[in-house]
Amino acid sequence: MTDITDHITAIHSHEERYEKLELLYRNAEEKARILDAIASTPWRKECQVEISTIEEGEGRGIVSVEFHDDYDKEAGPFFDVLMKKLGIDRCE
C-alpha cells in the first residue's frame, strides 16, 4: 500500500444540499494538476460552486471545491470524475 503522503489526498464532507471536496497537495505540480482537472471538468452553471485555494507554505496547500444549494446532486458525479482524473481512488 502506498503512503498517503505520497499523493494528493481527498477529504469529502457533506450536509443537506452542500458538498465539499478538499484536495491536499504537496507541491506546485500537484496543485497545477488539481486546477487543470477542475478547469476541464464541467458542471451546470446553475450550481453555486466555490473554488478556493489555501496556501500552507513550502508548496503545500489545499484546493477546496464546494457545491452550495445542490438540489440536483451535481457534486457527487463531478467529484467522481475529478478524482478519477487525478488518480484518487478513495476519500478520507
N, C-alpha and C. Protein backbone atom coordinates (compact mmCIF):
# COMPACT_ATOMS: atom_id res chain seq x y z
N MET A 1 0.86 -1.19 0.00
CA MET A 1 0.00 0.00 0.00
C MET A 1 0.89 1.24 0.00
N THR A 2 0.56 2.19 -0.83
CA THR A 2 1.36 3.42 -0.91
C THR A 2 1.05 4.31 0.28
N ASP A 3 2.03 5.09 0.66
CA ASP A 3 1.87 6.03 1.75
C ASP A 3 0.98 7.18 1.30
N ILE A 4 -0.01 7.53 2.11
CA ILE A 4 -0.97 8.58 1.76
C ILE A 4 -0.27 9.92 1.55
N THR A 5 0.90 10.12 2.15
CA THR A 5 1.60 11.39 1.99
C THR A 5 2.32 11.50 0.64
N ASP A 6 2.30 10.43 -0.16
CA ASP A 6 2.95 10.45 -1.46
C ASP A 6 2.04 10.94 -2.58
N HIS A 7 0.77 11.19 -2.31
CA HIS A 7 -0.19 11.53 -3.34
C HIS A 7 -1.12 12.64 -2.86
N ILE A 8 -1.88 13.17 -3.80
CA ILE A 8 -2.92 14.13 -3.45
C ILE A 8 -3.93 13.41 -2.55
N THR A 9 -4.30 14.05 -1.46
CA THR A 9 -5.26 13.47 -0.53
C THR A 9 -6.60 14.17 -0.72
N ALA A 10 -7.68 13.40 -0.76
CA ALA A 10 -9.02 13.95 -0.92
C ALA A 10 -9.80 13.76 0.38
N ILE A 11 -10.44 14.84 0.82
CA ILE A 11 -11.29 14.80 2.02
C ILE A 11 -12.66 15.30 1.62
N HIS A 12 -13.67 14.48 1.83
CA HIS A 12 -15.04 14.80 1.42
C HIS A 12 -15.89 15.06 2.66
N SER A 13 -16.73 16.09 2.59
CA SER A 13 -17.71 16.35 3.65
C SER A 13 -18.99 16.83 3.00
N HIS A 14 -20.11 16.59 3.70
CA HIS A 14 -21.39 16.98 3.13
C HIS A 14 -22.44 17.15 4.22
N GLU A 15 -23.41 17.94 3.88
CA GLU A 15 -24.61 18.15 4.66
C GLU A 15 -25.75 18.23 3.65
N GLU A 16 -26.93 18.47 4.10
CA GLU A 16 -28.05 18.56 3.18
C GLU A 16 -27.81 19.68 2.16
N ARG A 17 -27.83 19.33 0.88
CA ARG A 17 -27.65 20.26 -0.26
C ARG A 17 -26.29 20.98 -0.26
N TYR A 18 -25.31 20.41 0.43
CA TYR A 18 -23.97 21.01 0.46
C TYR A 18 -22.95 19.87 0.41
N GLU A 19 -21.96 20.00 -0.47
CA GLU A 19 -20.87 19.03 -0.51
C GLU A 19 -19.56 19.77 -0.75
N LYS A 20 -18.52 19.25 -0.12
CA LYS A 20 -17.19 19.86 -0.27
C LYS A 20 -16.15 18.76 -0.46
N LEU A 21 -15.24 19.00 -1.38
CA LEU A 21 -14.10 18.13 -1.59
C LEU A 21 -12.85 18.97 -1.41
N GLU A 22 -12.02 18.59 -0.46
CA GLU A 22 -10.75 19.27 -0.24
C GLU A 22 -9.65 18.38 -0.80
N LEU A 23 -8.80 18.95 -1.60
CA LEU A 23 -7.69 18.24 -2.22
C LEU A 23 -6.39 18.81 -1.69
N LEU A 24 -5.68 18.02 -0.90
CA LEU A 24 -4.43 18.44 -0.28
C LEU A 24 -3.27 18.11 -1.21
N TYR A 25 -2.51 19.14 -1.57
CA TYR A 25 -1.37 18.93 -2.46
C TYR A 25 -0.08 19.21 -1.70
N ARG A 26 1.01 18.64 -2.20
CA ARG A 26 2.31 18.74 -1.53
C ARG A 26 3.36 19.49 -2.32
N ASN A 27 3.02 19.89 -3.57
CA ASN A 27 3.98 20.64 -4.38
C ASN A 27 3.23 21.36 -5.49
N ALA A 28 3.94 22.22 -6.21
CA ALA A 28 3.32 23.04 -7.25
C ALA A 28 2.78 22.21 -8.40
N GLU A 29 3.43 21.10 -8.72
CA GLU A 29 2.96 20.23 -9.80
C GLU A 29 1.60 19.63 -9.46
N GLU A 30 1.43 19.16 -8.22
CA GLU A 30 0.14 18.60 -7.80
C GLU A 30 -0.94 19.67 -7.82
N LYS A 31 -0.62 20.87 -7.37
CA LYS A 31 -1.59 21.96 -7.39
C LYS A 31 -2.03 22.25 -8.83
N ALA A 32 -1.08 22.30 -9.75
CA ALA A 32 -1.40 22.56 -11.15
C ALA A 32 -2.28 21.44 -11.72
N ARG A 33 -1.98 20.18 -11.39
CA ARG A 33 -2.81 19.05 -11.85
C ARG A 33 -4.24 19.18 -11.34
N ILE A 34 -4.39 19.56 -10.08
CA ILE A 34 -5.73 19.73 -9.50
C ILE A 34 -6.49 20.83 -10.23
N LEU A 35 -5.87 21.99 -10.38
CA LEU A 35 -6.54 23.12 -11.03
C LEU A 35 -6.87 22.82 -12.49
N ASP A 36 -5.98 22.12 -13.20
CA ASP A 36 -6.26 21.73 -14.58
C ASP A 36 -7.44 20.76 -14.65
N ALA A 37 -7.48 19.80 -13.73
CA ALA A 37 -8.57 18.82 -13.71
C ALA A 37 -9.90 19.51 -13.42
N ILE A 38 -9.90 20.47 -12.51
CA ILE A 38 -11.13 21.22 -12.20
C ILE A 38 -11.59 22.00 -13.43
N ALA A 39 -10.64 22.68 -14.07
CA ALA A 39 -10.98 23.51 -15.24
C ALA A 39 -11.52 22.67 -16.39
N SER A 40 -11.10 21.42 -16.50
CA SER A 40 -11.53 20.59 -17.62
C SER A 40 -12.72 19.69 -17.28
N THR A 41 -13.30 19.86 -16.10
CA THR A 41 -14.46 19.07 -15.68
C THR A 41 -15.66 20.00 -15.57
N PRO A 42 -16.62 19.87 -16.48
CA PRO A 42 -17.76 20.81 -16.49
C PRO A 42 -18.79 20.51 -15.40
N TRP A 43 -19.48 21.55 -14.99
CA TRP A 43 -20.65 21.43 -14.11
C TRP A 43 -21.69 22.41 -14.63
N ARG A 44 -22.93 22.16 -14.26
CA ARG A 44 -24.01 23.04 -14.70
C ARG A 44 -23.81 24.43 -14.11
N LYS A 45 -23.97 25.43 -14.91
CA LYS A 45 -23.73 26.81 -14.48
C LYS A 45 -24.76 27.28 -13.45
N GLU A 46 -25.88 26.56 -13.33
CA GLU A 46 -26.88 26.93 -12.32
C GLU A 46 -26.41 26.60 -10.90
N CYS A 47 -25.44 25.72 -10.80
CA CYS A 47 -24.93 25.32 -9.48
C CYS A 47 -24.07 26.43 -8.89
N GLN A 48 -24.19 26.61 -7.59
CA GLN A 48 -23.32 27.55 -6.88
C GLN A 48 -22.07 26.79 -6.46
N VAL A 49 -20.99 27.01 -7.19
CA VAL A 49 -19.73 26.30 -6.93
C VAL A 49 -18.68 27.33 -6.53
N GLU A 50 -18.02 27.04 -5.43
CA GLU A 50 -16.95 27.92 -4.94
C GLU A 50 -15.65 27.12 -4.92
N ILE A 51 -14.63 27.65 -5.58
CA ILE A 51 -13.33 27.01 -5.62
C ILE A 51 -12.35 27.96 -4.95
N SER A 52 -11.65 27.45 -3.93
CA SER A 52 -10.70 28.29 -3.22
C SER A 52 -9.40 27.52 -2.98
N THR A 53 -8.33 28.28 -2.80
CA THR A 53 -7.02 27.70 -2.55
C THR A 53 -6.45 28.29 -1.27
N ILE A 54 -5.94 27.43 -0.43
CA ILE A 54 -5.30 27.85 0.81
C ILE A 54 -3.85 27.40 0.76
N GLU A 55 -2.93 28.34 0.78
CA GLU A 55 -1.51 28.03 0.76
C GLU A 55 -1.06 27.77 2.19
N GLU A 56 -0.37 26.64 2.40
CA GLU A 56 0.12 26.31 3.74
C GLU A 56 1.63 26.44 3.87
N GLY A 57 2.29 26.83 2.81
CA GLY A 57 3.74 27.03 2.85
C GLY A 57 4.51 25.88 2.24
N GLU A 58 5.73 26.17 1.78
CA GLU A 58 6.64 25.20 1.18
C GLU A 58 5.98 24.40 0.05
N GLY A 59 5.12 25.05 -0.75
CA GLY A 59 4.48 24.41 -1.88
C GLY A 59 3.26 23.57 -1.54
N ARG A 60 2.92 23.48 -0.27
CA ARG A 60 1.78 22.67 0.16
C ARG A 60 0.55 23.54 0.33
N GLY A 61 -0.62 22.90 0.23
CA GLY A 61 -1.85 23.63 0.45
C GLY A 61 -3.07 22.78 0.17
N ILE A 62 -4.21 23.46 0.06
CA ILE A 62 -5.49 22.80 -0.15
C ILE A 62 -6.26 23.54 -1.23
N VAL A 63 -6.82 22.78 -2.15
CA VAL A 63 -7.79 23.32 -3.10
C VAL A 63 -9.14 22.77 -2.66
N SER A 64 -10.08 23.66 -2.41
CA SER A 64 -11.40 23.28 -1.91
C SER A 64 -12.45 23.56 -2.99
N VAL A 65 -13.31 22.58 -3.23
CA VAL A 65 -14.41 22.73 -4.19
C VAL A 65 -15.70 22.51 -3.40
N GLU A 66 -16.54 23.56 -3.34
CA GLU A 66 -17.78 23.49 -2.57
C GLU A 66 -18.99 23.70 -3.47
N PHE A 67 -19.97 22.83 -3.35
CA PHE A 67 -21.25 22.98 -4.03
C PHE A 67 -22.28 23.41 -2.99
N HIS A 68 -22.89 24.58 -3.19
CA HIS A 68 -23.92 25.09 -2.28
C HIS A 68 -25.29 24.94 -2.94
N ASP A 69 -26.31 24.71 -2.13
CA ASP A 69 -27.68 24.54 -2.64
C ASP A 69 -27.72 23.55 -3.79
N ASP A 70 -27.15 22.39 -3.59
CA ASP A 70 -27.02 21.36 -4.62
C ASP A 70 -28.28 20.48 -4.65
N TYR A 71 -29.38 21.08 -5.09
CA TYR A 71 -30.68 20.39 -5.14
C TYR A 71 -30.66 19.18 -6.06
N ASP A 72 -29.92 19.26 -7.16
CA ASP A 72 -29.91 18.20 -8.16
C ASP A 72 -28.77 17.19 -7.98
N LYS A 73 -28.07 17.29 -6.88
CA LYS A 73 -26.98 16.34 -6.56
C LYS A 73 -25.91 16.30 -7.66
N GLU A 74 -25.48 17.46 -8.11
CA GLU A 74 -24.46 17.58 -9.15
C GLU A 74 -23.06 17.29 -8.62
N ALA A 75 -22.84 17.53 -7.32
CA ALA A 75 -21.49 17.42 -6.76
C ALA A 75 -20.93 16.01 -6.85
N GLY A 76 -21.74 15.02 -6.53
CA GLY A 76 -21.25 13.64 -6.50
C GLY A 76 -20.62 13.21 -7.81
N PRO A 77 -21.34 13.30 -8.93
CA PRO A 77 -20.74 12.92 -10.21
C PRO A 77 -19.53 13.78 -10.58
N PHE A 78 -19.58 15.08 -10.26
CA PHE A 78 -18.45 15.97 -10.54
C PHE A 78 -17.23 15.50 -9.75
N PHE A 79 -17.39 15.23 -8.46
CA PHE A 79 -16.28 14.78 -7.63
C PHE A 79 -15.73 13.44 -8.12
N ASP A 80 -16.62 12.53 -8.54
CA ASP A 80 -16.17 11.23 -9.05
C ASP A 80 -15.27 11.40 -10.27
N VAL A 81 -15.69 12.24 -11.22
CA VAL A 81 -14.89 12.48 -12.43
C VAL A 81 -13.57 13.15 -12.07
N LEU A 82 -13.63 14.14 -11.20
CA LEU A 82 -12.43 14.87 -10.79
C LEU A 82 -11.42 13.93 -10.13
N MET A 83 -11.89 13.10 -9.23
CA MET A 83 -10.99 12.17 -8.55
C MET A 83 -10.39 11.16 -9.52
N LYS A 84 -11.19 10.70 -10.47
CA LYS A 84 -10.68 9.75 -11.47
C LYS A 84 -9.57 10.40 -12.29
N LYS A 85 -9.78 11.66 -12.70
CA LYS A 85 -8.75 12.38 -13.47
C LYS A 85 -7.46 12.52 -12.69
N LEU A 86 -7.58 12.64 -11.37
CA LEU A 86 -6.40 12.84 -10.52
C LEU A 86 -5.80 11.51 -10.03
N GLY A 87 -6.44 10.39 -10.36
CA GLY A 87 -5.94 9.09 -9.93
C GLY A 87 -6.17 8.80 -8.46
N ILE A 88 -7.20 9.40 -7.90
CA ILE A 88 -7.54 9.20 -6.48
C ILE A 88 -8.63 8.16 -6.41
N ASP A 89 -8.43 7.12 -5.59
CA ASP A 89 -9.43 6.06 -5.52
C ASP A 89 -10.23 6.03 -4.23
N ARG A 90 -9.91 6.95 -3.29
CA ARG A 90 -10.68 6.99 -2.04
C ARG A 90 -10.55 8.36 -1.38
N CYS A 91 -11.53 8.67 -0.53
CA CYS A 91 -11.53 9.91 0.24
C CYS A 91 -11.32 9.60 1.71
N GLU A 92 -10.83 10.57 2.41
CA GLU A 92 -10.71 10.45 3.87
C GLU A 92 -11.98 10.97 4.50
